[in-house]
């Protein structure tokens, strides 16, 4: 199945490249065998609010989707270190409030093997301790120290900068023809 996916991807790239060459003033769609090599990534979550987690999870989804579509033979390992205002999302007491988000987090853990590290210092600042979190998260003494340690182990740092694109899209996005 993967071979068929690769063959279809290569044919699509060739056809797209050929049609793009015929057009003038068109951006190049860069895809090659080395576009997305195997990599280990650590996402740095120090988000502004618990509600931002849903958007931050979209980055993980897009990351895995890029590998599924454009580098199916490569591997990506993703880890998240959480040490910001999003920490209450993970707390058992808030499961009912953030059920959909927590279920998505658990799915990323169960399906893709994403490890979610929670900073113990930040958790304590919210009044939480180890027993307040579900078993699919890992409590680390200090989130910033874990980020540095993971980078030392070869993980590439990806800061999670969450934006709400809706207003910008409405103002500047592609307008639909009527």
C-alpha atoms as a PDB file:
ATOM      1  CA  UNK A   1       0.000   0.000   0.000  1.00  0.00           C
ATOM      2  CA  UNK A   2       2.847   2.393   0.837  1.00  0.00           C
ATOM      3  CA  UNK A   3       4.522   1.678  -2.506  1.00  0.00           C
ATOM      4  CA  UNK A   4       1.295   2.577  -4.311  1.00  0.00           C
ATOM      5  CA  UNK A   5       1.087   5.784  -2.269  1.00  0.00           C
ATOM      6  CA  UNK A   6       4.678   6.663  -3.195  1.00  0.00           C
ATOM      7  CA  UNK A   7       4.052   5.966  -6.893  1.00  0.00           C
ATOM      8  CA  UNK A   8       0.905   8.103  -6.896  1.00  0.00           C
ATOM      9  CA  UNK A   9       2.756  10.883  -5.062  1.00  0.00           C
ATOM     10  CA  UNK A  10       5.617  10.843  -7.568  1.00  0.00           C
ATOM     11  CA  UNK A  11       3.224  10.923 -10.540  1.00  0.00           C
ATOM     12  CA  UNK A  12       1.289  13.807  -8.940  1.00  0.00           C
ATOM     13  CA  UNK A  13       4.498  15.747  -8.319  1.00  0.00           C
ATOM     14  CA  UNK A  14       5.690  15.258 -11.902  1.00  0.00           C
ATOM     15  CA  UNK A  15       2.330  16.305 -13.357  1.00  0.00           C
ATOM     16  CA  UNK A  16       2.083  19.277 -11.027  1.00  0.00           C
ATOM     17  CA  UNK A  17       5.647  20.353 -11.816  1.00  0.00           C
ATOM     18  CA  UNK A  18       4.966  20.128 -15.558  1.00  0.00           C
ATOM     19  CA  UNK A  19       1.768  22.204 -15.310  1.00  0.00           C
ATOM     20  CA  UNK A  20       3.425  24.757 -12.990  1.00  0.00           C
ATOM     21  CA  UNK A  21       6.270  25.273 -15.470  1.00  0.00           C
ATOM     22  CA  UNK A  22       3.756  26.270 -18.134  1.00  0.00           C
ATOM     23  CA  UNK A  23       2.277  28.991 -15.895  1.00  0.00           C
ATOM     24  CA  UNK A  24       4.093  32.232 -15.218  1.00  0.00           C
ATOM     25  CA  UNK A  25       4.347  33.892 -11.828  1.00  0.00           C
ATOM     26  CA  UNK A  26       3.197  30.822  -9.876  1.00  0.00           C
ATOM     27  CA  UNK A  27       4.778  29.625  -6.648  1.00  0.00           C
ATOM     28  CA  UNK A  28       6.709  26.373  -6.824  1.00  0.00           C
ATOM     29  CA  UNK A  29       5.333  23.472  -4.790  1.00  0.00           C
ATOM     30  CA  UNK A  30       8.529  22.030  -3.294  1.00  0.00           C
ATOM     31  CA  UNK A  31       8.338  18.314  -2.717  1.00  0.00           C
ATOM     32  CA  UNK A  32      11.196  15.875  -3.107  1.00  0.00           C
ATOM     33  CA  UNK A  33      12.524  12.730  -1.482  1.00  0.00           C
ATOM     34  CA  UNK A  34      14.285  14.921   1.093  1.00  0.00           C
ATOM     35  CA  UNK A  35      11.424  17.340   1.853  1.00  0.00           C
ATOM     36  CA  UNK A  36      10.615  15.632   5.145  1.00  0.00           C
ATOM     37  CA  UNK A  37      13.345  13.267   6.356  1.00  0.00           C
ATOM     38  CA  UNK A  38      12.973  11.092   9.452  1.00  0.00           C
ATOM     39  CA  UNK A  39      13.137  13.368  12.465  1.00  0.00           C
ATOM     40  CA  UNK A  40      12.473  13.687  16.203  1.00  0.00           C
ATOM     41  CA  UNK A  41      10.543  16.816  17.187  1.00  0.00           C
ATOM     42  CA  UNK A  42       9.679  18.445  20.496  1.00  0.00           C
ATOM     43  CA  UNK A  43       6.818  20.940  20.567  1.00  0.00           C
ATOM     44  CA  UNK A  44       7.210  23.657  23.199  1.00  0.00           C
ATOM     45  CA  UNK A  45       3.764  24.393  24.640  1.00  0.00           C
ATOM     46  CA  UNK A  46       3.616  27.488  26.788  1.00  0.00           C
ATOM     47  CA  UNK A  47       0.238  28.573  25.538  1.00  0.00           C
ATOM     48  CA  UNK A  48      -1.775  31.608  26.562  1.00  0.00           C
ATOM     49  CA  UNK A  49      -4.931  29.728  27.540  1.00  0.00           C
ATOM     50  CA  UNK A  50      -6.361  26.219  27.877  1.00  0.00           C
ATOM     51  CA  UNK A  51      -8.526  26.857  24.816  1.00  0.00           C
ATOM     52  CA  UNK A  52      -5.380  27.261  22.674  1.00  0.00           C
ATOM     53  CA  UNK A  53      -4.650  23.528  23.035  1.00  0.00           C
ATOM     54  CA  UNK A  54      -7.171  22.656  20.345  1.00  0.00           C
ATOM     55  CA  UNK A  55      -5.318  24.867  17.843  1.00  0.00           C
ATOM     56  CA  UNK A  56      -1.932  23.567  19.004  1.00  0.00           C
ATOM     57  CA  UNK A  57      -3.140  20.012  18.380  1.00  0.00           C
ATOM     58  CA  UNK A  58      -3.876  21.022  14.791  1.00  0.00           C
ATOM     59  CA  UNK A  59      -0.132  21.568  14.332  1.00  0.00           C
ATOM     60  CA  UNK A  60       0.483  17.976  15.417  1.00  0.00           C
ATOM     61  CA  UNK A  61      -2.225  16.766  13.049  1.00  0.00           C
ATOM     62  CA  UNK A  62      -0.701  18.761  10.178  1.00  0.00           C
ATOM     63  CA  UNK A  63       2.756  17.451  11.017  1.00  0.00           C
ATOM     64  CA  UNK A  64       1.646  13.822  10.835  1.00  0.00           C
ATOM     65  CA  UNK A  65      -0.458  14.531   7.734  1.00  0.00           C
ATOM     66  CA  UNK A  66       2.580  15.980   5.930  1.00  0.00           C
ATOM     67  CA  UNK A  67       4.505  12.781   6.590  1.00  0.00           C
ATOM     68  CA  UNK A  68       1.556  10.574   5.593  1.00  0.00           C
ATOM     69  CA  UNK A  69       1.102  12.450   2.300  1.00  0.00           C
ATOM     70  CA  UNK A  70       4.620  13.494   1.282  1.00  0.00           C
ATOM     71  CA  UNK A  71       7.083  11.257   3.120  1.00  0.00           C
ATOM     72  CA  UNK A  72       5.281   7.969   3.799  1.00  0.00           C
ATOM     73  CA  UNK A  73       8.513   5.983   4.077  1.00  0.00           C
ATOM     74  CA  UNK A  74      10.053   8.363   6.630  1.00  0.00           C
ATOM     75  CA  UNK A  75       9.397   8.459  10.352  1.00  0.00           C
ATOM     76  CA  UNK A  76       8.528  11.309  12.671  1.00  0.00           C
ATOM     77  CA  UNK A  77       8.591  11.090  16.446  1.00  0.00           C
ATOM     78  CA  UNK A  78       6.797  13.896  18.275  1.00  0.00           C
ATOM     79  CA  UNK A  79       6.987  14.888  21.929  1.00  0.00           C
ATOM     80  CA  UNK A  80       5.155  17.784  23.594  1.00  0.00           C
ATOM     81  CA  UNK A  81       6.444  19.633  26.651  1.00  0.00           C
ATOM     82  CA  UNK A  82       3.661  21.589  28.351  1.00  0.00           C
ATOM     83  CA  UNK A  83       4.579  24.315  30.808  1.00  0.00           C
ATOM     84  CA  UNK A  84       2.039  27.114  30.316  1.00  0.00           C
ATOM     85  CA  UNK A  85      -1.563  28.124  30.856  1.00  0.00           C
ATOM     86  CA  UNK A  86      -2.733  24.963  29.050  1.00  0.00           C
ATOM     87  CA  UNK A  87      -1.838  22.692  31.978  1.00  0.00           C
ATOM     88  CA  UNK A  88      -5.374  22.683  33.489  1.00  0.00           C
ATOM     89  CA  UNK A  89      -6.590  20.908  30.320  1.00  0.00           C
ATOM     90  CA  UNK A  90      -4.690  17.799  31.397  1.00  0.00           C
ATOM     91  CA  UNK A  91      -6.028  17.759  34.984  1.00  0.00           C
ATOM     92  CA  UNK A  92      -8.533  15.004  35.732  1.00  0.00           C
ATOM     93  CA  UNK A  93     -10.851  17.467  37.513  1.00  0.00           C
ATOM     94  CA  UNK A  94     -11.298  19.415  34.255  1.00  0.00           C
ATOM     95  CA  UNK A  95     -11.992  16.440  31.992  1.00  0.00           C
ATOM     96  CA  UNK A  96     -15.687  17.282  31.538  1.00  0.00           C
ATOM     97  CA  UNK A  97     -14.836  20.865  30.517  1.00  0.00           C
ATOM     98  CA  UNK A  98     -12.112  19.839  28.033  1.00  0.00           C
ATOM     99  CA  UNK A  99     -13.336  16.344  27.112  1.00  0.00           C
ATOM    100  CA  UNK A 100     -12.984  16.761  23.318  1.00  0.00           C
ATOM    101  CA  UNK A 101      -9.485  18.213  23.632  1.00  0.00           C
ATOM    102  CA  UNK A 102      -8.327  15.594  26.154  1.00  0.00           C
ATOM    103  CA  UNK A 103      -9.703  12.804  23.971  1.00  0.00           C
ATOM    104  CA  UNK A 104      -7.739  14.209  20.995  1.00  0.00           C
ATOM    105  CA  UNK A 105      -4.586  14.360  23.139  1.00  0.00           C
ATOM    106  CA  UNK A 106      -5.080  10.756  24.234  1.00  0.00           C
ATOM    107  CA  UNK A 107      -5.627   9.705  20.601  1.00  0.00           C
ATOM    108  CA  UNK A 108      -2.329  11.324  19.566  1.00  0.00           C
ATOM    109  CA  UNK A 109      -0.697   9.419  22.411  1.00  0.00           C
ATOM    110  CA  UNK A 110      -2.377   6.087  21.618  1.00  0.00           C
ATOM    111  CA  UNK A 111      -2.255   6.187  17.801  1.00  0.00           C
ATOM    112  CA  UNK A 112       0.989   8.064  17.059  1.00  0.00           C
ATOM    113  CA  UNK A 113       2.919   7.474  20.283  1.00  0.00           C
ATOM    114  CA  UNK A 114       3.164  11.182  21.106  1.00  0.00           C
ATOM    115  CA  UNK A 115       4.571  11.701  24.583  1.00  0.00           C
ATOM    116  CA  UNK A 116       3.092  14.570  26.589  1.00  0.00           C
ATOM    117  CA  UNK A 117       5.371  15.918  29.325  1.00  0.00           C
ATOM    118  CA  UNK A 118       3.833  18.195  31.958  1.00  0.00           C
ATOM    119  CA  UNK A 119       6.063  20.583  33.895  1.00  0.00           C
ATOM    120  CA  UNK A 120       5.731  19.807  37.601  1.00  0.00           C
ATOM    121  CA  UNK A 121       6.668  23.389  38.537  1.00  0.00           C
ATOM    122  CA  UNK A 122       3.863  24.820  36.376  1.00  0.00           C
ATOM    123  CA  UNK A 123       1.423  22.154  37.577  1.00  0.00           C
ATOM    124  CA  UNK A 124       2.197  23.097  41.189  1.00  0.00           C
ATOM    125  CA  UNK A 125       1.563  26.763  40.324  1.00  0.00           C
ATOM    126  CA  UNK A 126      -1.983  25.684  39.411  1.00  0.00           C
ATOM    127  CA  UNK A 127      -2.251  23.646  42.622  1.00  0.00           C
ATOM    128  CA  UNK A 128      -1.912  20.263  40.873  1.00  0.00           C
ATOM    129  CA  UNK A 129       0.306  17.313  41.710  1.00  0.00           C
ATOM    130  CA  UNK A 130       1.120  14.030  39.972  1.00  0.00           C
ATOM    131  CA  UNK A 131      -2.057  12.228  41.051  1.00  0.00           C
ATOM    132  CA  UNK A 132      -4.170  14.973  39.416  1.00  0.00           C
ATOM    133  CA  UNK A 133      -3.179  13.871  35.907  1.00  0.00           C
ATOM    134  CA  UNK A 134      -4.087  10.829  33.793  1.00  0.00           C
ATOM    135  CA  UNK A 135      -1.592   8.038  33.125  1.00  0.00           C
ATOM    136  CA  UNK A 136      -0.953   9.003  29.491  1.00  0.00           C
ATOM    137  CA  UNK A 137       1.017  12.109  30.540  1.00  0.00           C
ATOM    138  CA  UNK A 138       4.494  12.181  32.049  1.00  0.00           C
ATOM    139  CA  UNK A 139       5.339  14.635  34.810  1.00  0.00           C
ATOM    140  CA  UNK A 140       8.792  16.163  34.450  1.00  0.00           C
ATOM    141  CA  UNK A 141      10.377  18.278  37.219  1.00  0.00           C
ATOM    142  CA  UNK A 142      10.938  21.351  35.017  1.00  0.00           C
ATOM    143  CA  UNK A 143       9.555  21.869  31.514  1.00  0.00           C
ATOM    144  CA  UNK A 144      12.387  24.122  30.313  1.00  0.00           C
ATOM    145  CA  UNK A 145      15.002  21.634  31.530  1.00  0.00           C
ATOM    146  CA  UNK A 146      13.150  18.826  29.697  1.00  0.00           C
ATOM    147  CA  UNK A 147      13.127  20.912  26.500  1.00  0.00           C
ATOM    148  CA  UNK A 148      16.907  21.354  26.751  1.00  0.00           C
ATOM    149  CA  UNK A 149      17.464  17.662  27.534  1.00  0.00           C
ATOM    150  CA  UNK A 150      15.360  16.550  24.552  1.00  0.00           C
ATOM    151  CA  UNK A 151      17.257  18.893  22.249  1.00  0.00           C
ATOM    152  CA  UNK A 152      20.484  17.389  23.543  1.00  0.00           C
ATOM    153  CA  UNK A 153      19.038  13.976  22.559  1.00  0.00           C
ATOM    154  CA  UNK A 154      18.578  15.207  18.986  1.00  0.00           C
ATOM    155  CA  UNK A 155      14.996  16.459  19.073  1.00  0.00           C
ATOM    156  CA  UNK A 156      14.280  19.520  16.916  1.00  0.00           C
ATOM    157  CA  UNK A 157      12.512  22.316  18.772  1.00  0.00           C
ATOM    158  CA  UNK A 158       9.208  23.591  17.367  1.00  0.00           C
ATOM    159  CA  UNK A 159       7.702  26.451  19.347  1.00  0.00           C
ATOM    160  CA  UNK A 160       3.907  26.302  19.415  1.00  0.00           C
ATOM    161  CA  UNK A 161       2.752  29.762  18.435  1.00  0.00           C
ATOM    162  CA  UNK A 162      -1.019  29.674  18.246  1.00  0.00           C
ATOM    163  CA  UNK A 163      -2.898  32.140  16.074  1.00  0.00           C
ATOM    164  CA  UNK A 164      -6.532  32.594  15.254  1.00  0.00           C
ATOM    165  CA  UNK A 165      -6.496  32.922  11.480  1.00  0.00           C
ATOM    166  CA  UNK A 166     -10.238  33.518  11.110  1.00  0.00           C
ATOM    167  CA  UNK A 167     -10.206  37.348  11.233  1.00  0.00           C
ATOM    168  CA  UNK A 168      -7.148  37.578   8.985  1.00  0.00           C
ATOM    169  CA  UNK A 169      -8.646  35.094   6.529  1.00  0.00           C
ATOM    170  CA  UNK A 170     -11.891  37.067   6.386  1.00  0.00           C
ATOM    171  CA  UNK A 171     -10.020  40.294   5.676  1.00  0.00           C
ATOM    172  CA  UNK A 172      -7.183  39.104   3.436  1.00  0.00           C
ATOM    173  CA  UNK A 173      -7.942  35.531   2.364  1.00  0.00           C
ATOM    174  CA  UNK A 174      -8.801  34.469  -1.160  1.00  0.00           C
ATOM    175  CA  UNK A 175     -12.154  35.865  -2.174  1.00  0.00           C
ATOM    176  CA  UNK A 176     -14.631  33.475  -3.740  1.00  0.00           C
ATOM    177  CA  UNK A 177     -16.074  34.426  -7.103  1.00  0.00           C
ATOM    178  CA  UNK A 178     -19.749  35.155  -7.125  1.00  0.00           C
END
